[in-house]
Amino acid sequence: MVRMILSLTEDDKRWLRAISREQRCSMAEAVRLSLRHFRQQTRTGGRRQTILQATAGGWRAAQGDAQAWVNRLRAEWDERP
């Protein structure tokens, strides 16, 4: 494992100390867990971008009144069994 020095604000350090006590782990372990969680969220952000790109332009297919189109889409939710 690689060691590093990390600078935190006093408020962040207080939060880190409190969360590590709550989770019953060291502050270093809390930082590692937080980093792992952040990396996981960032990875899913890439999938989110792919989905957004794949569905971009869907609004162009709608003709006429935008509110009516949205209301039709929402009405479909009520038609589910």
N, C-alpha and C. Protein backbone atom coordinates (compact mmCIF):
# COMPACT_ATOMS: atom_id res chain seq x y z
N MET A 1 0.84 -1.17 0.00
CA MET A 1 0.00 0.00 0.00
C MET A 1 0.89 1.24 0.00
N VAL A 2 0.49 2.25 -0.73
CA VAL A 2 1.25 3.50 -0.83
C VAL A 2 0.78 4.46 0.24
N ARG A 3 1.71 5.15 0.86
CA ARG A 3 1.38 6.15 1.87
C ARG A 3 1.39 7.53 1.23
N MET A 4 0.57 8.42 1.79
CA MET A 4 0.56 9.80 1.29
C MET A 4 0.14 10.75 2.40
N ILE A 5 0.45 12.00 2.20
CA ILE A 5 0.04 13.05 3.13
C ILE A 5 -1.19 13.72 2.56
N LEU A 6 -2.16 13.97 3.41
CA LEU A 6 -3.43 14.54 2.97
C LEU A 6 -3.75 15.76 3.80
N SER A 7 -4.05 16.87 3.16
CA SER A 7 -4.42 18.09 3.88
C SER A 7 -5.93 18.22 3.89
N LEU A 8 -6.49 18.43 5.07
CA LEU A 8 -7.94 18.56 5.24
C LEU A 8 -8.25 19.84 6.00
N THR A 9 -9.46 20.35 5.79
CA THR A 9 -9.92 21.45 6.63
C THR A 9 -10.24 20.89 8.00
N GLU A 10 -10.30 21.75 8.99
CA GLU A 10 -10.65 21.29 10.35
C GLU A 10 -12.02 20.62 10.36
N ASP A 11 -12.95 21.19 9.62
CA ASP A 11 -14.31 20.64 9.56
C ASP A 11 -14.31 19.24 8.95
N ASP A 12 -13.55 19.06 7.87
CA ASP A 12 -13.46 17.74 7.23
C ASP A 12 -12.82 16.72 8.17
N LYS A 13 -11.81 17.17 8.92
CA LYS A 13 -11.15 16.25 9.85
C LYS A 13 -12.10 15.84 10.97
N ARG A 14 -12.89 16.79 11.47
CA ARG A 14 -13.87 16.46 12.52
C ARG A 14 -14.88 15.45 11.98
N TRP A 15 -15.34 15.69 10.73
CA TRP A 15 -16.30 14.76 10.12
C TRP A 15 -15.66 13.38 9.97
N LEU A 16 -14.44 13.35 9.47
CA LEU A 16 -13.73 12.09 9.27
C LEU A 16 -13.55 11.34 10.58
N ARG A 17 -13.18 12.05 11.63
CA ARG A 17 -13.01 11.43 12.94
C ARG A 17 -14.34 10.85 13.43
N ALA A 18 -15.41 11.63 13.27
CA ALA A 18 -16.73 11.16 13.73
C ALA A 18 -17.21 9.95 12.94
N ILE A 19 -17.05 9.99 11.62
CA ILE A 19 -17.53 8.87 10.80
C ILE A 19 -16.69 7.62 11.04
N SER A 20 -15.40 7.79 11.28
CA SER A 20 -14.56 6.62 11.54
C SER A 20 -14.91 5.99 12.89
N ARG A 21 -15.25 6.80 13.86
CA ARG A 21 -15.71 6.24 15.14
C ARG A 21 -17.03 5.51 14.96
N GLU A 22 -17.93 6.15 14.21
CA GLU A 22 -19.25 5.55 13.96
C GLU A 22 -19.11 4.20 13.23
N GLN A 23 -18.21 4.16 12.26
CA GLN A 23 -18.00 2.94 11.47
C GLN A 23 -17.02 1.97 12.14
N ARG A 24 -16.43 2.40 13.24
CA ARG A 24 -15.46 1.60 13.99
C ARG A 24 -14.28 1.17 13.12
N CYS A 25 -13.71 2.18 12.46
CA CYS A 25 -12.53 1.94 11.64
C CYS A 25 -11.59 3.13 11.81
N SER A 26 -10.39 2.98 11.32
CA SER A 26 -9.42 4.08 11.40
C SER A 26 -9.82 5.18 10.42
N MET A 27 -9.27 6.37 10.64
CA MET A 27 -9.53 7.46 9.69
C MET A 27 -8.96 7.11 8.32
N ALA A 28 -7.83 6.43 8.29
CA ALA A 28 -7.24 6.02 7.01
C ALA A 28 -8.18 5.07 6.27
N GLU A 29 -8.78 4.13 7.00
CA GLU A 29 -9.72 3.20 6.37
C GLU A 29 -10.95 3.94 5.88
N ALA A 30 -11.43 4.92 6.62
CA ALA A 30 -12.58 5.71 6.19
C ALA A 30 -12.27 6.46 4.89
N VAL A 31 -11.04 6.98 4.79
CA VAL A 31 -10.63 7.66 3.54
C VAL A 31 -10.59 6.66 2.40
N ARG A 32 -10.03 5.47 2.64
CA ARG A 32 -9.97 4.44 1.58
C ARG A 32 -11.38 4.05 1.12
N LEU A 33 -12.29 3.85 2.08
CA LEU A 33 -13.67 3.49 1.73
C LEU A 33 -14.35 4.61 0.95
N SER A 34 -14.11 5.84 1.36
CA SER A 34 -14.70 6.98 0.66
C SER A 34 -14.17 7.08 -0.77
N LEU A 35 -12.88 6.88 -0.91
CA LEU A 35 -12.27 6.92 -2.24
C LEU A 35 -12.82 5.81 -3.13
N ARG A 36 -12.96 4.62 -2.57
CA ARG A 36 -13.53 3.50 -3.32
C ARG A 36 -14.95 3.81 -3.77
N HIS A 37 -15.74 4.39 -2.87
CA HIS A 37 -17.12 4.77 -3.19
C HIS A 37 -17.14 5.83 -4.28
N PHE A 38 -16.27 6.83 -4.18
CA PHE A 38 -16.19 7.89 -5.18
C PHE A 38 -15.81 7.32 -6.55
N ARG A 39 -14.85 6.41 -6.57
CA ARG A 39 -14.44 5.81 -7.84
C ARG A 39 -15.58 5.03 -8.47
N GLN A 40 -16.35 4.32 -7.64
CA GLN A 40 -17.47 3.55 -8.14
C GLN A 40 -18.53 4.48 -8.75
N GLN A 41 -18.81 5.60 -8.08
CA GLN A 41 -19.78 6.56 -8.61
C GLN A 41 -19.29 7.17 -9.90
N THR A 42 -18.00 7.44 -9.99
CA THR A 42 -17.44 8.03 -11.20
C THR A 42 -17.56 7.05 -12.36
N ARG A 43 -17.34 5.78 -12.10
CA ARG A 43 -17.47 4.76 -13.14
C ARG A 43 -18.90 4.71 -13.66
N THR A 44 -19.88 4.75 -12.77
CA THR A 44 -21.27 4.71 -13.22
C THR A 44 -21.64 5.98 -13.95
N GLY A 45 -20.92 7.08 -13.66
CA GLY A 45 -21.14 8.32 -14.39
C GLY A 45 -20.81 8.15 -15.86
N GLY A 46 -19.83 7.32 -16.16
CA GLY A 46 -19.49 7.03 -17.56
C GLY A 46 -20.64 6.33 -18.26
N ARG A 47 -21.28 5.39 -17.58
CA ARG A 47 -22.45 4.72 -18.16
C ARG A 47 -23.59 5.70 -18.35
N ARG A 48 -23.73 6.60 -17.39
CA ARG A 48 -24.79 7.61 -17.47
C ARG A 48 -24.58 8.46 -18.72
N GLN A 49 -23.32 8.84 -18.99
CA GLN A 49 -23.01 9.64 -20.17
C GLN A 49 -23.34 8.87 -21.44
N THR A 50 -23.04 7.58 -21.47
CA THR A 50 -23.34 6.75 -22.63
C THR A 50 -24.85 6.70 -22.88
N ILE A 51 -25.62 6.54 -21.81
CA ILE A 51 -27.08 6.50 -21.93
C ILE A 51 -27.62 7.84 -22.42
N LEU A 52 -27.09 8.92 -21.87
CA LEU A 52 -27.54 10.25 -22.30
C LEU A 52 -27.24 10.48 -23.78
N GLN A 53 -26.08 10.06 -24.23
CA GLN A 53 -25.74 10.22 -25.63
C GLN A 53 -26.63 9.36 -26.52
N ALA A 54 -26.95 8.15 -26.07
CA ALA A 54 -27.79 7.25 -26.86
C ALA A 54 -29.22 7.75 -26.98
N THR A 55 -29.68 8.47 -25.97
CA THR A 55 -31.07 8.93 -25.99
C THR A 55 -31.20 10.40 -26.39
N ALA A 56 -30.10 11.04 -26.67
CA ALA A 56 -30.15 12.46 -27.07
C ALA A 56 -30.96 12.62 -28.34
N GLY A 57 -31.72 13.67 -28.39
CA GLY A 57 -32.51 13.96 -29.58
C GLY A 57 -33.89 13.36 -29.56
N GLY A 58 -34.25 12.67 -28.51
CA GLY A 58 -35.57 12.06 -28.42
C GLY A 58 -36.69 13.08 -28.50
N TRP A 59 -36.41 14.27 -28.05
CA TRP A 59 -37.42 15.33 -28.07
C TRP A 59 -37.75 15.75 -29.50
N ARG A 60 -36.81 15.60 -30.41
CA ARG A 60 -37.04 16.02 -31.81
C ARG A 60 -38.19 15.25 -32.44
N ALA A 61 -38.46 14.04 -31.97
CA ALA A 61 -39.54 13.23 -32.54
C ALA A 61 -40.92 13.76 -32.15
N ALA A 62 -40.97 14.56 -31.10
CA ALA A 62 -42.26 15.08 -30.63
C ALA A 62 -42.71 16.23 -31.52
N GLN A 63 -43.95 16.18 -31.91
CA GLN A 63 -44.52 17.25 -32.72
C GLN A 63 -45.65 17.90 -31.95
N GLY A 64 -45.81 19.18 -32.09
CA GLY A 64 -46.94 19.86 -31.45
C GLY A 64 -46.61 20.37 -30.06
N ASP A 65 -47.64 20.41 -29.23
CA ASP A 65 -47.56 20.99 -27.90
C ASP A 65 -46.73 20.11 -26.97
N ALA A 66 -45.69 20.68 -26.39
CA ALA A 66 -44.79 19.93 -25.52
C ALA A 66 -45.52 19.43 -24.28
N GLN A 67 -46.37 20.26 -23.70
CA GLN A 67 -47.08 19.86 -22.48
C GLN A 67 -48.02 18.70 -22.76
N ALA A 68 -48.68 18.72 -23.90
CA ALA A 68 -49.57 17.62 -24.27
C ALA A 68 -48.78 16.32 -24.45
N TRP A 69 -47.60 16.44 -25.05
CA TRP A 69 -46.77 15.27 -25.26
C TRP A 69 -46.34 14.68 -23.92
N VAL A 70 -45.92 15.54 -22.98
CA VAL A 70 -45.51 15.08 -21.66
C VAL A 70 -46.69 14.44 -20.94
N ASN A 71 -47.85 15.04 -21.04
CA ASN A 71 -49.05 14.48 -20.40
C ASN A 71 -49.40 13.10 -20.96
N ARG A 72 -49.22 12.90 -22.27
CA ARG A 72 -49.46 11.57 -22.88
C ARG A 72 -48.49 10.55 -22.31
N LEU A 73 -47.22 10.95 -22.20
CA LEU A 73 -46.23 10.03 -21.64
C LEU A 73 -46.57 9.66 -20.20
N ARG A 74 -46.98 10.65 -19.42
CA ARG A 74 -47.32 10.38 -18.02
C ARG A 74 -48.58 9.53 -17.91
N ALA A 75 -49.48 9.68 -18.83
CA ALA A 75 -50.70 8.87 -18.82
C ALA A 75 -50.38 7.39 -19.01
N GLU A 76 -49.30 7.11 -19.76
CA GLU A 76 -48.88 5.71 -19.96
C GLU A 76 -48.53 5.06 -18.62
N TRP A 77 -48.01 5.83 -17.68
CA TRP A 77 -47.65 5.27 -16.38
C TRP A 77 -48.90 4.72 -15.68
N ASP A 78 -50.03 5.39 -15.86
CA ASP A 78 -51.26 4.95 -15.23
C ASP A 78 -51.85 3.72 -15.88
N GLU A 79 -51.44 3.41 -17.10
CA GLU A 79 -51.99 2.27 -17.84
C GLU A 79 -51.32 0.96 -17.47
N ARG A 80 -50.31 1.00 -16.65
CA ARG A 80 -49.60 -0.23 -16.26
C ARG A 80 -50.55 -1.11 -15.43
N PRO A 81 -50.45 -2.44 -15.60
CA PRO A 81 -51.31 -3.36 -14.84
C PRO A 81 -51.04 -3.34 -13.35
